[in-house]
Protein backbone atom coordinates (compact mmCIF):
# COMPACT_ATOMS: atom_id res chain seq x y z
CA MET A 1 0.28 -13.04 -46.01
CA GLY A 2 -2.03 -10.52 -44.34
CA LYS A 3 -4.75 -12.46 -42.58
CA GLU A 4 -3.71 -14.93 -39.89
CA GLN A 5 -4.54 -18.59 -40.54
CA LYS A 6 -6.81 -20.52 -38.23
CA LEU A 7 -5.06 -23.10 -36.10
CA GLU A 8 -7.00 -25.91 -37.77
CA ASP A 9 -5.96 -24.71 -41.24
CA SER A 10 -2.33 -24.55 -40.16
CA ILE A 11 -2.50 -28.13 -38.88
CA LYS A 12 -4.01 -29.32 -42.18
CA GLU A 13 -1.24 -27.55 -44.07
CA ILE A 14 1.41 -29.23 -41.91
CA GLU A 15 -0.23 -32.62 -42.54
CA GLN A 16 -0.06 -31.98 -46.30
CA ILE A 17 3.60 -31.03 -46.07
CA VAL A 18 4.42 -34.17 -44.07
CA GLU A 19 2.57 -36.32 -46.61
CA LYS A 20 4.49 -34.79 -49.52
CA ILE A 21 7.83 -35.33 -47.79
CA GLU A 22 6.99 -38.89 -46.73
CA ASN A 23 5.90 -39.85 -50.26
CA GLY A 24 9.44 -39.21 -51.44
CA ASP A 25 8.30 -38.10 -54.90
CA ILE A 26 9.99 -34.72 -54.60
CA SER A 27 13.58 -33.57 -54.76
CA LEU A 28 15.76 -33.16 -51.70
CA GLU A 29 15.78 -29.39 -52.23
CA GLU A 30 11.98 -29.27 -52.35
CA SER A 31 11.81 -31.47 -49.23
CA ILE A 32 14.08 -29.05 -47.39
CA ASN A 33 12.00 -26.05 -48.50
CA LEU A 34 8.80 -27.78 -47.39
CA TYR A 35 10.42 -28.65 -44.06
CA LYS A 36 11.37 -24.98 -43.54
CA GLU A 37 7.82 -23.94 -44.39
CA GLY A 38 6.47 -26.49 -41.91
CA VAL A 39 8.75 -25.17 -39.16
CA LYS A 40 7.44 -21.63 -39.73
CA ILE A 41 3.85 -22.86 -39.57
CA LEU A 42 4.58 -24.80 -36.36
CA GLU A 43 6.12 -21.70 -34.80
CA GLY A 44 2.93 -19.80 -35.61
CA CYS A 45 0.84 -22.61 -34.11
CA SER A 46 2.91 -22.52 -30.94
CA LYS A 47 2.38 -18.76 -30.61
CA LYS A 48 -1.37 -19.17 -31.14
CA LEU A 49 -1.56 -21.92 -28.53
CA ASP A 50 0.41 -19.81 -26.04
CA LYS A 51 -2.02 -16.95 -26.59
CA ILE A 52 -5.02 -19.24 -26.12
CA GLU A 53 -3.50 -20.67 -22.94
CA LYS A 54 -3.03 -17.17 -21.50
CA GLU A 55 -6.63 -16.27 -22.35
CA LEU A 56 -7.89 -19.42 -20.63
CA ILE A 57 -5.86 -18.64 -17.51
CA VAL A 58 -7.40 -15.15 -17.40
CA ILE A 59 -10.89 -16.63 -17.79
CA LYS A 60 -10.22 -19.24 -15.12
CA ASP A 61 -8.81 -16.66 -12.70
CA SER A 62 -11.75 -14.29 -13.25
CA ASP A 63 -14.18 -17.15 -12.54
CA LEU A 64 -12.51 -17.81 -9.19
CA GLU A 65 -13.16 -14.28 -7.96
């Protein structure tokens, strides 16, 4: 993959996956594969949000000094 996706791009990709699954025009196997892909993307989003939260705490704490 190389370059890390922006959070916004990841969210758009998840929305596309959900739409494909909800449409029901794909096979069960493809739905499962898309679901797995979505889970991986969500895990990446969670890590990014955790990192952002830690950065904000550092900024907040440095402003209080």
